[in-house]
Amino acid sequence: MPIHWEKKSEMAPGNSGAISRVDDGGLLWHAVLRPSRSLSNSGFGIFMTMTLVMMMLPLLTNVGSAVMWVLLPFLLGTFALTWVMLRRNDRDGMLNETLRLWRDRIEIVRTGANSQVQRWDANPHWVRLDLRRDGGPVANYVTLAGAGRTVELGAFLSPDERQTLFAELSEALASLR
């Protein structure tokens, strides 16, 4: 699942002597949301190799004829466009949302595909978590309202994953109240 929660109780205690422990300032919950990634880099290489082989099969039957020279630009153009679009999809999938919850603050940091960072924070006692099952831009639309703004959470997640996010975040906020 592309939602990874860390609770304070799962982290090393303050007096553990762990050298790599970072002072989190009382961080209670930490979640990182990422889109599902169905094609790894090795899978990309295999797919593109198979695509090139399959696209070259029609050329093998026409080697040395004028038909080969007519087909070649279209096949290479299709291959190049497939390459570019899959790489673009890979880059767009690099976005993530980091949600942190302290006793006195909730923070969302969204890093877009172009490395643009957007931040939102508010007091968790005054935020309102909402799940719109229907009527939102997507099914199970999750929003968090507070500090004069409403932000969406996990728009890139599946409806089931957004519902799970809503339940887990509701539990986290309820534990503060």
C-alpha atoms as a PDB file:
ATOM      1  CA  MET A   1       0.000   0.000   0.000  1.00  0.00           C
ATOM      2  CA  PRO A   2       1.401   3.434  -0.826  1.00  0.00           C
ATOM      3  CA  ILE A   3       0.601   4.783   2.681  1.00  0.00           C
ATOM      4  CA  HIS A   4       3.304   4.237   5.257  1.00  0.00           C
ATOM      5  CA  TRP A   5       2.504   5.295   8.850  1.00  0.00           C
ATOM      6  CA  GLU A   6       5.004   5.550  11.661  1.00  0.00           C
ATOM      7  CA  LYS A   7       3.759   5.978  15.195  1.00  0.00           C
ATOM      8  CA  LYS A   8       5.875   7.515  17.916  1.00  0.00           C
ATOM      9  CA  SER A   9       5.726   4.278  19.921  1.00  0.00           C
ATOM     10  CA  GLU A  10       7.378   2.413  17.005  1.00  0.00           C
ATOM     11  CA  MET A  11      10.411   4.699  17.005  1.00  0.00           C
ATOM     12  CA  ALA A  12      13.489   4.392  19.212  1.00  0.00           C
ATOM     13  CA  PRO A  13      13.063   5.793  22.735  1.00  0.00           C
ATOM     14  CA  GLY A  14      14.856   9.034  23.586  1.00  0.00           C
ATOM     15  CA  ASN A  15      17.327   7.359  25.941  1.00  0.00           C
ATOM     16  CA  SER A  16      18.173   4.431  23.653  1.00  0.00           C
ATOM     17  CA  GLY A  17      21.591   5.794  22.786  1.00  0.00           C
ATOM     18  CA  ALA A  18      20.900   5.409  19.079  1.00  0.00           C
ATOM     19  CA  ILE A  19      23.316   7.677  17.252  1.00  0.00           C
ATOM     20  CA  SER A  20      21.100   8.152  14.195  1.00  0.00           C
ATOM     21  CA  ARG A  21      18.006   9.197  16.156  1.00  0.00           C
ATOM     22  CA  VAL A  22      16.764  12.623  15.082  1.00  0.00           C
ATOM     23  CA  ASP A  23      14.991  14.811  17.623  1.00  0.00           C
ATOM     24  CA  ASP A  24      11.472  14.907  16.254  1.00  0.00           C
ATOM     25  CA  GLY A  25      10.130  17.524  18.688  1.00  0.00           C
ATOM     26  CA  GLY A  26       7.286  15.323  19.954  1.00  0.00           C
ATOM     27  CA  LEU A  27       6.188  13.895  16.608  1.00  0.00           C
ATOM     28  CA  LEU A  28       3.289  11.484  17.193  1.00  0.00           C
ATOM     29  CA  TRP A  29       2.376  10.297  13.688  1.00  0.00           C
ATOM     30  CA  HIS A  30       4.208  10.445  10.389  1.00  0.00           C
ATOM     31  CA  ALA A  31       2.805   9.235   7.067  1.00  0.00           C
ATOM     32  CA  VAL A  32       4.227   9.291   3.569  1.00  0.00           C
ATOM     33  CA  LEU A  33       1.754   8.948   0.682  1.00  0.00           C
ATOM     34  CA  ARG A  34       3.006   7.908  -2.737  1.00  0.00           C
ATOM     35  CA  PRO A  35       1.216   6.862  -5.927  1.00  0.00           C
ATOM     36  CA  SER A  36       1.270   3.186  -6.858  1.00  0.00           C
ATOM     37  CA  ARG A  37       4.179   2.311  -9.125  1.00  0.00           C
ATOM     38  CA  SER A  38       3.433  -0.566 -11.467  1.00  0.00           C
ATOM     39  CA  LEU A  39       6.490  -0.367 -13.755  1.00  0.00           C
ATOM     40  CA  SER A  40       9.991  -0.590 -12.295  1.00  0.00           C
ATOM     41  CA  ASN A  41      13.093   0.554 -14.175  1.00  0.00           C
ATOM     42  CA  SER A  42      13.996  -3.026 -15.070  1.00  0.00           C
ATOM     43  CA  GLY A  43      10.401  -3.599 -16.194  1.00  0.00           C
ATOM     44  CA  PHE A  44      10.657  -0.485 -18.366  1.00  0.00           C
ATOM     45  CA  GLY A  45      13.777  -1.853 -20.045  1.00  0.00           C
ATOM     46  CA  ILE A  46      12.176  -5.236 -20.689  1.00  0.00           C
ATOM     47  CA  PHE A  47       8.985  -3.640 -22.029  1.00  0.00           C
ATOM     48  CA  MET A  48      10.840  -1.286 -24.381  1.00  0.00           C
ATOM     49  CA  THR A  49      13.105  -4.094 -25.660  1.00  0.00           C
ATOM     50  CA  MET A  50      10.100  -6.309 -26.389  1.00  0.00           C
ATOM     51  CA  THR A  51       8.279  -3.400 -28.026  1.00  0.00           C
ATOM     52  CA  LEU A  52      11.244  -2.681 -30.300  1.00  0.00           C
ATOM     53  CA  VAL A  53      11.544  -6.340 -31.307  1.00  0.00           C
ATOM     54  CA  MET A  54       7.798  -6.590 -32.043  1.00  0.00           C
ATOM     55  CA  MET A  55       7.835  -3.339 -34.048  1.00  0.00           C
ATOM     56  CA  MET A  56      10.774  -4.495 -36.149  1.00  0.00           C
ATOM     57  CA  LEU A  57       9.079  -7.775 -37.200  1.00  0.00           C
ATOM     58  CA  PRO A  58       7.156  -6.114 -40.079  1.00  0.00           C
ATOM     59  CA  LEU A  59      10.436  -4.639 -41.315  1.00  0.00           C
ATOM     60  CA  LEU A  60      12.111  -8.049 -41.511  1.00  0.00           C
ATOM     61  CA  THR A  61       9.637  -9.212 -44.136  1.00  0.00           C
ATOM     62  CA  ASN A  62      10.293  -6.068 -46.184  1.00  0.00           C
ATOM     63  CA  VAL A  63      14.087  -5.730 -45.984  1.00  0.00           C
ATOM     64  CA  GLY A  64      15.443  -4.176 -49.166  1.00  0.00           C
ATOM     65  CA  SER A  65      12.098  -2.913 -50.440  1.00  0.00           C
ATOM     66  CA  ALA A  66      10.628   0.567 -50.566  1.00  0.00           C
ATOM     67  CA  VAL A  67       7.944  -0.492 -48.062  1.00  0.00           C
ATOM     68  CA  MET A  68      10.635  -0.794 -45.373  1.00  0.00           C
ATOM     69  CA  TRP A  69      11.601   2.870 -45.815  1.00  0.00           C
ATOM     70  CA  VAL A  70       7.970   3.918 -45.611  1.00  0.00           C
ATOM     71  CA  LEU A  71       7.335   1.931 -42.415  1.00  0.00           C
ATOM     72  CA  LEU A  72      10.626   2.749 -40.646  1.00  0.00           C
ATOM     73  CA  PRO A  73       9.911   6.409 -39.714  1.00  0.00           C
ATOM     74  CA  PHE A  74       6.463   5.536 -38.366  1.00  0.00           C
ATOM     75  CA  LEU A  75       7.744   2.620 -36.297  1.00  0.00           C
ATOM     76  CA  LEU A  76      10.677   4.604 -34.896  1.00  0.00           C
ATOM     77  CA  GLY A  77       8.399   7.569 -34.183  1.00  0.00           C
ATOM     78  CA  THR A  78       5.949   5.327 -32.340  1.00  0.00           C
ATOM     79  CA  PHE A  79       8.805   3.771 -30.355  1.00  0.00           C
ATOM     80  CA  ALA A  80      10.248   7.180 -29.434  1.00  0.00           C
ATOM     81  CA  LEU A  81       6.835   8.530 -28.411  1.00  0.00           C
ATOM     82  CA  THR A  82       6.204   5.449 -26.256  1.00  0.00           C
ATOM     83  CA  TRP A  83       9.596   5.967 -24.588  1.00  0.00           C
ATOM     84  CA  VAL A  84       8.958   9.656 -23.904  1.00  0.00           C
ATOM     85  CA  MET A  85       5.434   9.127 -22.564  1.00  0.00           C
ATOM     86  CA  LEU A  86       6.460   6.286 -20.226  1.00  0.00           C
ATOM     87  CA  ARG A  87       9.360   8.388 -18.886  1.00  0.00           C
ATOM     88  CA  ARG A  88       6.956  11.309 -18.399  1.00  0.00           C
ATOM     89  CA  ASN A  89       4.595   9.023 -16.491  1.00  0.00           C
ATOM     90  CA  ASP A  90       7.527   7.840 -14.367  1.00  0.00           C
ATOM     91  CA  ARG A  91       8.488  11.444 -13.548  1.00  0.00           C
ATOM     92  CA  ASP A  92       4.878  12.375 -12.723  1.00  0.00           C
ATOM     93  CA  GLY A  93       4.755   9.461 -10.314  1.00  0.00           C
ATOM     94  CA  MET A  94       7.563  10.928  -8.218  1.00  0.00           C
ATOM     95  CA  LEU A  95       5.143  13.113  -6.279  1.00  0.00           C
ATOM     96  CA  ASN A  96       4.451  12.429  -2.619  1.00  0.00           C
ATOM     97  CA  GLU A  97       2.668  13.882   0.370  1.00  0.00           C
ATOM     98  CA  THR A  98       4.164  13.819   3.849  1.00  0.00           C
ATOM     99  CA  LEU A  99       1.772  14.164   6.754  1.00  0.00           C
ATOM    100  CA  ARG A 100       3.143  14.855  10.253  1.00  0.00           C
ATOM    101  CA  LEU A 101       1.132  15.147  13.429  1.00  0.00           C
ATOM    102  CA  TRP A 102       2.276  16.676  16.696  1.00  0.00           C
ATOM    103  CA  ARG A 103       0.129  17.501  19.740  1.00  0.00           C
ATOM    104  CA  ASP A 104      -0.072  21.153  18.713  1.00  0.00           C
ATOM    105  CA  ARG A 105       0.377  21.025  14.929  1.00  0.00           C
ATOM    106  CA  ILE A 106      -0.490  19.021  11.834  1.00  0.00           C
ATOM    107  CA  GLU A 107       1.594  19.569   8.717  1.00  0.00           C
ATOM    108  CA  ILE A 108       1.224  18.437   5.112  1.00  0.00           C
ATOM    109  CA  VAL A 109       4.102  18.835   2.685  1.00  0.00           C
ATOM    110  CA  ARG A 110       3.318  17.969  -0.942  1.00  0.00           C
ATOM    111  CA  THR A 111       6.230  17.570  -3.322  1.00  0.00           C
ATOM    112  CA  GLY A 112       5.089  17.634  -6.938  1.00  0.00           C
ATOM    113  CA  ALA A 113       6.600  15.894  -9.934  1.00  0.00           C
ATOM    114  CA  ASN A 114       8.496  19.064 -10.826  1.00  0.00           C
ATOM    115  CA  SER A 115       9.909  19.261  -7.242  1.00  0.00           C
ATOM    116  CA  GLN A 116       7.547  22.110  -6.384  1.00  0.00           C
ATOM    117  CA  VAL A 117       6.896  22.020  -2.623  1.00  0.00           C
ATOM    118  CA  GLN A 118       3.580  23.099  -1.089  1.00  0.00           C
ATOM    119  CA  ARG A 119       3.126  23.327   2.690  1.00  0.00           C
ATOM    120  CA  TRP A 120       0.081  23.524   4.918  1.00  0.00           C
ATOM    121  CA  ASP A 121      -0.118  23.411   8.687  1.00  0.00           C
ATOM    122  CA  ALA A 122      -2.757  24.002  11.337  1.00  0.00           C
ATOM    123  CA  ASN A 123      -3.677  23.200  14.920  1.00  0.00           C
ATOM    124  CA  PRO A 124      -4.966  19.582  14.965  1.00  0.00           C
ATOM    125  CA  HIS A 125      -7.606  20.420  17.571  1.00  0.00           C
ATOM    126  CA  TRP A 126      -9.307  22.785  15.125  1.00  0.00           C
ATOM    127  CA  VAL A 127      -9.002  20.875  11.856  1.00  0.00           C
ATOM    128  CA  ARG A 128     -11.929  19.101  10.247  1.00  0.00           C
ATOM    129  CA  LEU A 129     -11.346  15.873   8.360  1.00  0.00           C
ATOM    130  CA  ASP A 130     -13.948  15.103   5.700  1.00  0.00           C
ATOM    131  CA  LEU A 131     -14.609  12.130   3.423  1.00  0.00           C
ATOM    132  CA  ARG A 132     -16.957  12.697   0.478  1.00  0.00           C
ATOM    133  CA  ARG A 133     -17.958   9.315  -0.856  1.00  0.00           C
ATOM    134  CA  ASP A 134     -19.812  10.896  -3.801  1.00  0.00           C
ATOM    135  CA  GLY A 135     -19.843  14.377  -5.233  1.00  0.00           C
ATOM    136  CA  GLY A 136     -16.108  15.062  -5.045  1.00  0.00           C
ATOM    137  CA  PRO A 137     -13.706  15.177  -7.969  1.00  0.00           C
ATOM    138  CA  VAL A 138     -12.873  11.533  -7.188  1.00  0.00           C
ATOM    139  CA  ALA A 139     -14.574   8.769  -5.216  1.00  0.00           C
ATOM    140  CA  ASN A 140     -13.849   8.893  -1.461  1.00  0.00           C
ATOM    141  CA  TYR A 141     -12.453  12.420  -1.677  1.00  0.00           C
ATOM    142  CA  VAL A 142     -10.505  13.213   1.518  1.00  0.00           C
ATOM    143  CA  THR A 143     -10.051  16.827   2.642  1.00  0.00           C
ATOM    144  CA  LEU A 144      -8.587  18.464   5.708  1.00  0.00           C
ATOM    145  CA  ALA A 145      -9.840  21.950   6.616  1.00  0.00           C
ATOM    146  CA  GLY A 146      -8.212  24.328   9.042  1.00  0.00           C
ATOM    147  CA  ALA A 147      -6.298  27.597   9.315  1.00  0.00           C
ATOM    148  CA  GLY A 148      -8.587  29.133   6.697  1.00  0.00           C
ATOM    149  CA  ARG A 149      -7.817  26.575   3.979  1.00  0.00           C
ATOM    150  CA  THR A 150      -9.065  23.232   2.767  1.00  0.00           C
ATOM    151  CA  VAL A 151      -6.516  20.821   1.324  1.00  0.00           C
ATOM    152  CA  GLU A 152      -7.048  17.494  -0.377  1.00  0.00           C
ATOM    153  CA  LEU A 153      -5.148  14.411   0.695  1.00  0.00           C
ATOM    154  CA  GLY A 154      -4.025  11.535  -1.479  1.00  0.00           C
ATOM    155  CA  ALA A 155      -5.809  12.519  -4.682  1.00  0.00           C
ATOM    156  CA  PHE A 156      -3.515  10.064  -6.500  1.00  0.00           C
ATOM    157  CA  LEU A 157      -4.546   7.126  -4.284  1.00  0.00           C
ATOM    158  CA  SER A 158      -7.241   4.604  -5.170  1.00  0.00           C
ATOM    159  CA  PRO A 159     -10.698   5.037  -3.555  1.00  0.00           C
ATOM    160  CA  ASP A 160     -10.021   2.172  -1.123  1.00  0.00           C
ATOM    161  CA  GLU A 161      -6.667   3.645  -0.144  1.00  0.00           C
ATOM    162  CA  ARG A 162      -8.263   7.065   0.459  1.00  0.00           C
ATOM    163  CA  GLN A 163     -10.870   5.424   2.677  1.00  0.00           C
ATOM    164  CA  THR A 164      -8.096   3.700   4.664  1.00  0.00           C
ATOM    165  CA  LEU A 165      -6.235   7.015   4.933  1.00  0.00           C
ATOM    166  CA  PHE A 166      -9.388   8.675   6.262  1.00  0.00           C
ATOM    167  CA  ALA A 167      -9.898   5.971   8.910  1.00  0.00           C
ATOM    168  CA  GLU A 168      -6.279   6.033  10.069  1.00  0.00           C
ATOM    169  CA  LEU A 169      -6.070   9.822  10.170  1.00  0.00           C
ATOM    170  CA  SER A 170      -9.409   9.996  12.016  1.00  0.00           C
ATOM    171  CA  GLU A 171      -7.980   7.619  14.609  1.00  0.00           C
ATOM    172  CA  ALA A 172      -4.803   9.695  14.919  1.00  0.00           C
ATOM    173  CA  LEU A 173      -6.744  12.942  15.381  1.00  0.00           C
ATOM    174  CA  ALA A 174      -9.144  11.312  17.839  1.00  0.00           C
ATOM    175  CA  SER A 175      -6.216  10.142  19.959  1.00  0.00           C
ATOM    176  CA  LEU A 176      -5.246  13.807  20.456  1.00  0.00           C
ATOM    177  CA  ARG A 177      -8.694  14.918  21.597  1.00  0.00           C
END
